[in-house]
Each structure stands twice: as C-alpha cells, then as structure tokens.
C-alpha cells in the first residue's frame, strides 16, 4: 500500500516527458515542435519534480517507514526463517538468530472476543503498562507524536532480586484495513541508534546530585527522564 504508492509517485516525478523522451530543455526550445499532449506531460513532470524537491525530507521519511512496515509484515506472514519453539495455551513461540548474533522472539496467538478498537486502546495507554504487564514496575508516555505514534519509557524488574532494566521506544502504526483488513504496530528502542540521542536513566542519574533525587515506588528514573526528554525528531528504522 504505502510503499507501492510512494514508489509510483517517485517514478512519475522522475520520468522524462512522454512522446519521444525529450530532455527537459529550458524555455521555448523545449516547447518547439511539441504537441499539446507532450507539452502538458512536460509541465506535469516539472511540477512533480518541484514538489519532490520541496518535500524531499518527507518522502525520505515515508520511504523509510514503509520499509519498516514491510519488514514487520514479512516477519508476521513468513515463517521460513523462524524456528518454532512451542505452542502453549494457544500461543506459539518462535525464535530466530540475527546476523549480529542477537536473538529475536516472535509470539503468535488469537484474541477471541476482543474488538480491534479495544486492543489498540490498551496498547496506546503506555502509562498503565505497569498495572498489568508482567515484571513491568514503571511506565510513562513521553510524547504523543501522532494518532498512532508514541514515544514511551518502561522499567522491567524482578521484585526482591534488585534486577531492573529500562528502555525508551517509539511505536508507530500503519492502517492496512483497505489492503488486508489489518493494522500494523511497530516499535523500536530509541537507544538502538546513537543518533537518537537517548540515554538510559542510569546514565542520567549519574549526572543528577543525590540530594536532588527522590525515590518513591521506583519513580526515580521517571523523574530523571522527565528532565531530559528524548528528541521527538527521531524516527524508527
């Protein structure tokens, strides 16, 4: 959907004028000997080229995001490179070893009797993750960049063992209802790329004097992050 439309637009804007493939020469020289249809095609090409140049950054962002959704959809629909681990309580678990030696996990299952709207509403309210998600001790929505585009933070830990990890992530959505009746939600850690400019709460706490820190039900790192919000210009890859 999105990538096909984008590719078509780019191809249309970059194509030479129809009718003999004449170069985009200036002024009357280009129009000399051209039919009305050829002249209109040349004007459309020039207009499209100007629009492409004026919105180059936006097209680049859309192209990058479309590739992100294509990769996510491939992971959902193609199982050739995934190894099935088990199926338990209606949930099937797969794993895959990545080129960088990391391990990816995929879970598949059906939610019966839960409308799509309710599912999206629960996933969107990241402020409430710590009230129901296992081992999540704190969570906070840091920015709402779009209707289905949020930047959030959460902490996972095991009570009593002193083990905890936190992460910032950006989740974006793609409406594919017209194509196949689905909605894709893709999230990526903002700290995965150095250009994101996001640091962990542990690093931030080292810069905050102990006298200025407050600890209340694991909320210390929330306060630290609120003083150092991540850049909203970061985009997922």
C-alpha atoms as a PDB file:
ATOM      1  CA  UNK A   1       0.000   0.000   0.000  1.00  0.00           C
ATOM      2  CA  UNK A   2       2.162   2.854   1.308  1.00  0.00           C
ATOM      3  CA  UNK A   3       5.414   1.809  -0.361  1.00  0.00           C
ATOM      4  CA  UNK A   4       3.738   0.991  -3.694  1.00  0.00           C
ATOM      5  CA  UNK A   5       2.037   4.399  -3.753  1.00  0.00           C
ATOM      6  CA  UNK A   6       5.310   6.108  -2.786  1.00  0.00           C
ATOM      7  CA  UNK A   7       7.310   4.236  -5.425  1.00  0.00           C
ATOM      8  CA  UNK A   8       4.711   5.105  -8.083  1.00  0.00           C
ATOM      9  CA  UNK A   9       4.847   8.784  -7.120  1.00  0.00           C
ATOM     10  CA  UNK A  10       8.640   8.848  -7.229  1.00  0.00           C
ATOM     11  CA  UNK A  11       8.687   7.083 -10.602  1.00  0.00           C
ATOM     12  CA  UNK A  12       6.148   9.543 -12.011  1.00  0.00           C
ATOM     13  CA  UNK A  13       8.093  12.549 -10.771  1.00  0.00           C
ATOM     14  CA  UNK A  14      11.430  11.295 -12.108  1.00  0.00           C
ATOM     15  CA  UNK A  15      10.200  10.047 -15.506  1.00  0.00           C
ATOM     16  CA  UNK A  16      11.032  12.120 -18.616  1.00  0.00           C
ATOM     17  CA  UNK A  17       8.224  13.632 -20.639  1.00  0.00           C
ATOM     18  CA  UNK A  18       6.248  11.225 -22.776  1.00  0.00           C
ATOM     19  CA  UNK A  19       6.356  11.316 -26.542  1.00  0.00           C
ATOM     20  CA  UNK A  20       9.922  10.734 -27.697  1.00  0.00           C
ATOM     21  CA  UNK A  21      11.720  11.096 -24.358  1.00  0.00           C
ATOM     22  CA  UNK A  22      12.931  14.673 -24.958  1.00  0.00           C
ATOM     23  CA  UNK A  23      15.173  16.229 -22.324  1.00  0.00           C
ATOM     24  CA  UNK A  24      13.856  18.960 -20.027  1.00  0.00           C
ATOM     25  CA  UNK A  25      15.358  21.856 -22.013  1.00  0.00           C
ATOM     26  CA  UNK A  26      14.608  25.455 -20.951  1.00  0.00           C
ATOM     27  CA  UNK A  27      12.040  27.855 -22.408  1.00  0.00           C
ATOM     28  CA  UNK A  28      10.840  27.892 -25.976  1.00  0.00           C
ATOM     29  CA  UNK A  29      13.474  25.383 -27.127  1.00  0.00           C
ATOM     30  CA  UNK A  30      11.791  22.620 -25.112  1.00  0.00           C
ATOM     31  CA  UNK A  31       8.326  23.567 -26.345  1.00  0.00           C
ATOM     32  CA  UNK A  32       9.357  23.868 -30.002  1.00  0.00           C
ATOM     33  CA  UNK A  33       7.691  21.219 -32.130  1.00  0.00           C
ATOM     34  CA  UNK A  34       5.839  19.606 -29.193  1.00  0.00           C
ATOM     35  CA  UNK A  35       2.239  18.532 -29.337  1.00  0.00           C
ATOM     36  CA  UNK A  36      -0.274  19.712 -26.768  1.00  0.00           C
ATOM     37  CA  UNK A  37      -0.127  16.342 -25.009  1.00  0.00           C
ATOM     38  CA  UNK A  38       3.673  16.388 -24.902  1.00  0.00           C
ATOM     39  CA  UNK A  39       3.708  19.953 -23.574  1.00  0.00           C
ATOM     40  CA  UNK A  40       1.228  19.018 -20.844  1.00  0.00           C
ATOM     41  CA  UNK A  41       3.368  15.994 -19.920  1.00  0.00           C
ATOM     42  CA  UNK A  42       6.440  18.208 -19.658  1.00  0.00           C
ATOM     43  CA  UNK A  43       4.598  20.655 -17.415  1.00  0.00           C
ATOM     44  CA  UNK A  44       3.406  17.790 -15.204  1.00  0.00           C
ATOM     45  CA  UNK A  45       6.956  16.489 -14.985  1.00  0.00           C
ATOM     46  CA  UNK A  46       8.314  19.891 -13.976  1.00  0.00           C
ATOM     47  CA  UNK A  47       5.579  20.377 -11.404  1.00  0.00           C
ATOM     48  CA  UNK A  48       6.182  16.916  -9.975  1.00  0.00           C
ATOM     49  CA  UNK A  49       9.935  17.483  -9.837  1.00  0.00           C
ATOM     50  CA  UNK A  50       9.451  20.746  -7.944  1.00  0.00           C
ATOM     51  CA  UNK A  51       7.115  19.064  -5.468  1.00  0.00           C
ATOM     52  CA  UNK A  52       9.573  16.212  -4.957  1.00  0.00           C
ATOM     53  CA  UNK A  53      12.441  18.613  -4.287  1.00  0.00           C
ATOM     54  CA  UNK A  54      10.331  20.714  -1.911  1.00  0.00           C
ATOM     55  CA  UNK A  55       9.234  17.653   0.086  1.00  0.00           C
ATOM     56  CA  UNK A  56      12.368  15.520  -0.212  1.00  0.00           C
ATOM     57  CA  UNK A  57      12.710  15.006   3.543  1.00  0.00           C
ATOM     58  CA  UNK A  58       9.075  13.937   3.909  1.00  0.00           C
ATOM     59  CA  UNK A  59       9.344  11.427   1.048  1.00  0.00           C
ATOM     60  CA  UNK A  60      12.528  10.037   2.559  1.00  0.00           C
ATOM     61  CA  UNK A  61      10.759   9.613   5.915  1.00  0.00           C
ATOM     62  CA  UNK A  62       7.786   7.875   4.280  1.00  0.00           C
ATOM     63  CA  UNK A  63      10.052   5.569   2.305  1.00  0.00           C
ATOM     64  CA  UNK A  64      11.953   4.607   5.443  1.00  0.00           C
ATOM     65  CA  UNK A  65       8.741   3.968   7.349  1.00  0.00           C
ATOM     66  CA  UNK A  66       7.242   1.894   4.532  1.00  0.00           C
ATOM     67  CA  UNK A  67      10.299  -0.388   4.582  1.00  0.00           C
ATOM     68  CA  UNK A  68       9.839  -0.755   8.333  1.00  0.00           C
ATOM     69  CA  UNK A  69       6.250  -1.920   7.897  1.00  0.00           C
ATOM     70  CA  UNK A  70       7.179  -4.255   5.040  1.00  0.00           C
ATOM     71  CA  UNK A  71       9.767  -5.935   7.256  1.00  0.00           C
ATOM     72  CA  UNK A  72       7.260  -6.267  10.083  1.00  0.00           C
ATOM     73  CA  UNK A  73       4.646  -7.770   7.765  1.00  0.00           C
ATOM     74  CA  UNK A  74       7.163 -10.238   6.390  1.00  0.00           C
ATOM     75  CA  UNK A  75       8.003 -11.366   9.934  1.00  0.00           C
ATOM     76  CA  UNK A  76       4.308 -11.923  10.597  1.00  0.00           C
ATOM     77  CA  UNK A  77       3.427 -13.796   7.422  1.00  0.00           C
ATOM     78  CA  UNK A  78       6.583 -15.769   6.515  1.00  0.00           C
ATOM     79  CA  UNK A  79       7.873 -18.482   8.849  1.00  0.00           C
ATOM     80  CA  UNK A  80      10.671 -19.902   6.685  1.00  0.00           C
ATOM     81  CA  UNK A  81      13.484 -18.347   8.727  1.00  0.00           C
ATOM     82  CA  UNK A  82      11.822 -18.769  12.146  1.00  0.00           C
ATOM     83  CA  UNK A  83      12.288 -21.826  14.375  1.00  0.00           C
ATOM     84  CA  UNK A  84       9.194 -22.984  16.231  1.00  0.00           C
ATOM     85  CA  UNK A  85       9.827 -23.490  19.948  1.00  0.00           C
ATOM     86  CA  UNK A  86       6.438 -24.499  21.357  1.00  0.00           C
ATOM     87  CA  UNK A  87       2.697 -23.895  21.449  1.00  0.00           C
ATOM     88  CA  UNK A  88       1.148 -23.455  24.881  1.00  0.00           C
ATOM     89  CA  UNK A  89      -2.251 -22.058  25.918  1.00  0.00           C
ATOM     90  CA  UNK A  90      -2.949 -21.061  22.310  1.00  0.00           C
ATOM     91  CA  UNK A  91       0.285 -19.042  21.950  1.00  0.00           C
ATOM     92  CA  UNK A  92       3.010 -20.224  19.559  1.00  0.00           C
ATOM     93  CA  UNK A  93       6.592 -19.097  20.205  1.00  0.00           C
ATOM     94  CA  UNK A  94       9.281 -18.800  17.516  1.00  0.00           C
ATOM     95  CA  UNK A  95      12.897 -17.646  17.650  1.00  0.00           C
ATOM     96  CA  UNK A  96      15.483 -16.550  15.091  1.00  0.00           C
ATOM     97  CA  UNK A  97      19.190 -15.804  15.291  1.00  0.00           C
ATOM     98  CA  UNK A  98      20.098 -12.497  13.645  1.00  0.00           C
ATOM     99  CA  UNK A  99      23.320 -11.652  11.704  1.00  0.00           C
ATOM    100  CA  UNK A 100      24.510  -9.531  14.653  1.00  0.00           C
ATOM    101  CA  UNK A 101      24.223 -12.672  16.882  1.00  0.00           C
ATOM    102  CA  UNK A 102      21.185 -11.318  18.735  1.00  0.00           C
ATOM    103  CA  UNK A 103      18.073 -13.436  19.267  1.00  0.00           C
ATOM    104  CA  UNK A 104      14.608 -12.429  18.012  1.00  0.00           C
ATOM    105  CA  UNK A 105      11.429 -13.837  19.551  1.00  0.00           C
ATOM    106  CA  UNK A 106       8.009 -13.983  17.878  1.00  0.00           C
ATOM    107  CA  UNK A 107       4.732 -14.808  19.619  1.00  0.00           C
ATOM    108  CA  UNK A 108       1.537 -15.666  17.768  1.00  0.00           C
ATOM    109  CA  UNK A 109      -1.914 -16.096  19.246  1.00  0.00           C
ATOM    110  CA  UNK A 110      -5.557 -15.177  18.795  1.00  0.00           C
ATOM    111  CA  UNK A 111      -7.518 -12.749  20.937  1.00  0.00           C
ATOM    112  CA  UNK A 112     -11.079 -14.006  20.819  1.00  0.00           C
ATOM    113  CA  UNK A 113     -13.937 -11.659  21.618  1.00  0.00           C
ATOM    114  CA  UNK A 114     -11.717  -8.564  21.849  1.00  0.00           C
ATOM    115  CA  UNK A 115     -12.553  -5.887  19.230  1.00  0.00           C
ATOM    116  CA  UNK A 116      -9.683  -4.185  17.433  1.00  0.00           C
ATOM    117  CA  UNK A 117     -10.536  -0.792  18.936  1.00  0.00           C
ATOM    118  CA  UNK A 118     -10.139  -2.111  22.491  1.00  0.00           C
ATOM    119  CA  UNK A 119      -6.822  -3.769  21.617  1.00  0.00           C
ATOM    120  CA  UNK A 120      -5.422  -0.514  20.237  1.00  0.00           C
ATOM    121  CA  UNK A 121      -6.722   1.455  23.221  1.00  0.00           C
ATOM    122  CA  UNK A 122      -4.877  -0.836  25.666  1.00  0.00           C
ATOM    123  CA  UNK A 123      -1.613  -0.754  23.692  1.00  0.00           C
ATOM    124  CA  UNK A 124      -1.797   3.031  23.347  1.00  0.00           C
ATOM    125  CA  UNK A 125      -2.078   3.667  27.102  1.00  0.00           C
ATOM    126  CA  UNK A 126       1.565   3.064  27.971  1.00  0.00           C
ATOM    127  CA  UNK A 127       1.107   4.939  31.266  1.00  0.00           C
ATOM    128  CA  UNK A 128      -0.820   1.891  32.506  1.00  0.00           C
ATOM    129  CA  UNK A 129       1.554  -0.842  31.390  1.00  0.00           C
ATOM    130  CA  UNK A 130       2.945  -1.277  34.891  1.00  0.00           C
ATOM    131  CA  UNK A 131      -0.538  -2.103  36.214  1.00  0.00           C
ATOM    132  CA  UNK A 132      -0.950  -5.254  34.116  1.00  0.00           C
ATOM    133  CA  UNK A 133       2.213  -6.232  32.189  1.00  0.00           C
ATOM    134  CA  UNK A 134       4.273  -8.915  33.996  1.00  0.00           C
ATOM    135  CA  UNK A 135       7.527  -7.682  35.587  1.00  0.00           C
ATOM    136  CA  UNK A 136       6.859  -4.074  34.470  1.00  0.00           C
ATOM    137  CA  UNK A 137       7.369  -1.873  37.530  1.00  0.00           C
ATOM    138  CA  UNK A 138       7.010   1.595  35.972  1.00  0.00           C
ATOM    139  CA  UNK A 139       5.931   3.093  32.654  1.00  0.00           C
ATOM    140  CA  UNK A 140       5.387   6.539  31.209  1.00  0.00           C
ATOM    141  CA  UNK A 141       4.258   8.044  27.898  1.00  0.00           C
ATOM    142  CA  UNK A 142       6.844  10.680  26.981  1.00  0.00           C
ATOM    143  CA  UNK A 143       5.362  12.096  23.783  1.00  0.00           C
ATOM    144  CA  UNK A 144       2.313  11.677  21.524  1.00  0.00           C
ATOM    145  CA  UNK A 145       3.603  12.425  18.023  1.00  0.00           C
ATOM    146  CA  UNK A 146       0.546  11.247  16.115  1.00  0.00           C
ATOM    147  CA  UNK A 147      -2.695   9.309  16.375  1.00  0.00           C
ATOM    148  CA  UNK A 148      -0.750   6.023  16.395  1.00  0.00           C
ATOM    149  CA  UNK A 149       2.746   7.336  17.065  1.00  0.00           C
ATOM    150  CA  UNK A 150       4.038   7.472  20.636  1.00  0.00           C
ATOM    151  CA  UNK A 151       7.348   7.667  22.488  1.00  0.00           C
ATOM    152  CA  UNK A 152       7.294   5.804  25.804  1.00  0.00           C
ATOM    153  CA  UNK A 153       9.511   4.524  28.609  1.00  0.00           C
ATOM    154  CA  UNK A 154       9.209   1.496  30.863  1.00  0.00           C
ATOM    155  CA  UNK A 155      11.104  -0.429  33.540  1.00  0.00           C
ATOM    156  CA  UNK A 156      11.109  -4.198  33.942  1.00  0.00           C
ATOM    157  CA  UNK A 157      12.405  -5.954  37.027  1.00  0.00           C
ATOM    158  CA  UNK A 158      12.041  -8.852  39.393  1.00  0.00           C
ATOM    159  CA  UNK A 159      10.882  -7.739  42.875  1.00  0.00           C
ATOM    160  CA  UNK A 160      13.187  -8.825  45.650  1.00  0.00           C
ATOM    161  CA  UNK A 161      16.182  -9.542  43.418  1.00  0.00           C
ATOM    162  CA  UNK A 162      17.267  -5.982  42.699  1.00  0.00           C
ATOM    163  CA  UNK A 163      17.322  -6.617  38.945  1.00  0.00           C
ATOM    164  CA  UNK A 164      15.814  -3.998  36.644  1.00  0.00           C
ATOM    165  CA  UNK A 165      16.208  -2.660  33.122  1.00  0.00           C
ATOM    166  CA  UNK A 166      14.622   0.329  31.443  1.00  0.00           C
ATOM    167  CA  UNK A 167      14.143   1.359  27.824  1.00  0.00           C
ATOM    168  CA  UNK A 168      12.700   4.106  25.647  1.00  0.00           C
ATOM    169  CA  UNK A 169      10.866   3.139  22.497  1.00  0.00           C
ATOM    170  CA  UNK A 170       8.861   4.669  19.703  1.00  0.00           C
ATOM    171  CA  UNK A 171       5.819   2.809  18.369  1.00  0.00           C
ATOM    172  CA  UNK A 172       4.148   3.731  15.087  1.00  0.00           C
ATOM    173  CA  UNK A 173       1.089   2.305  13.370  1.00  0.00           C
ATOM    174  CA  UNK A 174       0.023   1.713   9.793  1.00  0.00           C
ATOM    175  CA  UNK A 175      -3.600   1.386   8.700  1.00  0.00           C
ATOM    176  CA  UNK A 176      -3.801  -1.543   6.238  1.00  0.00           C
ATOM    177  CA  UNK A 177      -7.555  -2.043   6.510  1.00  0.00           C
ATOM    178  CA  UNK A 178      -8.108  -1.419   2.794  1.00  0.00           C
ATOM    179  CA  UNK A 179      -5.349  -3.835   1.784  1.00  0.00           C
ATOM    180  CA  UNK A 180      -5.939  -6.844   4.026  1.00  0.00           C
ATOM    181  CA  UNK A 181      -8.064  -5.707   6.974  1.00  0.00           C
ATOM    182  CA  UNK A 182      -5.152  -5.340   9.400  1.00  0.00           C
ATOM    183  CA  UNK A 183      -3.396  -2.651  11.411  1.00  0.00           C
ATOM    184  CA  UNK A 184       0.359  -2.896  11.965  1.00  0.00           C
ATOM    185  CA  UNK A 185       2.042  -1.618  15.121  1.00  0.00           C
ATOM    186  CA  UNK A 186       5.834  -1.462  15.017  1.00  0.00           C
ATOM    187  CA  UNK A 187       8.082  -0.414  17.881  1.00  0.00           C
ATOM    188  CA  UNK A 188      11.833   0.078  18.189  1.00  0.00           C
ATOM    189  CA  UNK A 189      14.097   1.136  21.034  1.00  0.00           C
ATOM    190  CA  UNK A 190      15.245   4.735  20.626  1.00  0.00           C
ATOM    191  CA  UNK A 191      18.609   3.874  22.117  1.00  0.00           C
ATOM    192  CA  UNK A 192      19.307   1.372  19.329  1.00  0.00           C
ATOM    193  CA  UNK A 193      20.867   4.148  17.239  1.00  0.00           C
ATOM    194  CA  UNK A 194      23.432   6.632  18.508  1.00  0.00           C
ATOM    195  CA  UNK A 195      21.830   9.456  16.501  1.00  0.00           C
ATOM    196  CA  UNK A 196      18.660   9.102  18.567  1.00  0.00           C
ATOM    197  CA  UNK A 197      20.418  10.908  21.406  1.00  0.00           C
ATOM    198  CA  UNK A 198      18.635   8.860  24.089  1.00  0.00           C
ATOM    199  CA  UNK A 199      20.438   7.709  27.226  1.00  0.00           C
ATOM    200  CA  UNK A 200      19.373   5.297  29.942  1.00  0.00           C
ATOM    201  CA  UNK A 201      18.097   6.514  33.283  1.00  0.00           C
ATOM    202  CA  UNK A 202      21.202   5.036  34.919  1.00  0.00           C
ATOM    203  CA  UNK A 203      23.418   7.363  32.865  1.00  0.00           C
ATOM    204  CA  UNK A 204      21.161  10.324  33.612  1.00  0.00           C
ATOM    205  CA  UNK A 205      21.152   9.610  37.346  1.00  0.00           C
ATOM    206  CA  UNK A 206      24.947   9.862  37.402  1.00  0.00           C
ATOM    207  CA  UNK A 207      24.576  13.497  36.325  1.00  0.00           C
ATOM    208  CA  UNK A 208      21.944  14.315  38.959  1.00  0.00           C
ATOM    209  CA  UNK A 209      23.220  15.024  42.511  1.00  0.00           C
ATOM    210  CA  UNK A 210      21.991  12.518  45.070  1.00  0.00           C
ATOM    211  CA  UNK A 211      20.417  15.359  47.067  1.00  0.00           C
ATOM    212  CA  UNK A 212      18.098  16.097  44.120  1.00  0.00           C
ATOM    213  CA  UNK A 213      16.944  12.527  43.601  1.00  0.00           C
ATOM    214  CA  UNK A 214      13.708  11.209  45.003  1.00  0.00           C
ATOM    215  CA  UNK A 215      12.838   7.525  45.202  1.00  0.00           C
ATOM    216  CA  UNK A 216       9.179   6.587  45.506  1.00  0.00           C
ATOM    217  CA  UNK A 217       7.943   3.214  44.268  1.00  0.00           C
ATOM    218  CA  UNK A 218      10.643   3.041  41.646  1.00  0.00           C
ATOM    219  CA  UNK A 219       9.812   6.516  40.254  1.00  0.00           C
ATOM    220  CA  UNK A 220      13.368   7.904  40.484  1.00  0.00           C
ATOM    221  CA  UNK A 221      14.246   7.227  36.861  1.00  0.00           C
ATOM    222  CA  UNK A 222      10.866   8.628  35.712  1.00  0.00           C
ATOM    223  CA  UNK A 223      11.719  11.964  37.320  1.00  0.00           C
ATOM    224  CA  UNK A 224      15.172  11.884  35.734  1.00  0.00           C
ATOM    225  CA  UNK A 225      13.807  11.244  32.266  1.00  0.00           C
ATOM    226  CA  UNK A 226      11.182  13.954  32.589  1.00  0.00           C
ATOM    227  CA  UNK A 227      14.021  16.468  32.901  1.00  0.00           C
ATOM    228  CA  UNK A 228      15.782  15.053  29.839  1.00  0.00           C
ATOM    229  CA  UNK A 229      13.084  14.289  27.237  1.00  0.00           C
ATOM    230  CA  UNK A 230      14.218  12.459  24.086  1.00  0.00           C
ATOM    231  CA  UNK A 231      14.245  14.253  20.788  1.00  0.00           C
ATOM    232  CA  UNK A 232      10.898  13.976  19.016  1.00  0.00           C
ATOM    233  CA  UNK A 233      12.651  14.111  15.653  1.00  0.00           C
ATOM    234  CA  UNK A 234      13.941  10.553  15.991  1.00  0.00           C
ATOM    235  CA  UNK A 235      12.412   8.092  13.536  1.00  0.00           C
ATOM    236  CA  UNK A 236      12.309   4.297  13.718  1.00  0.00           C
ATOM    237  CA  UNK A 237      14.302   2.186  11.428  1.00  0.00           C
END
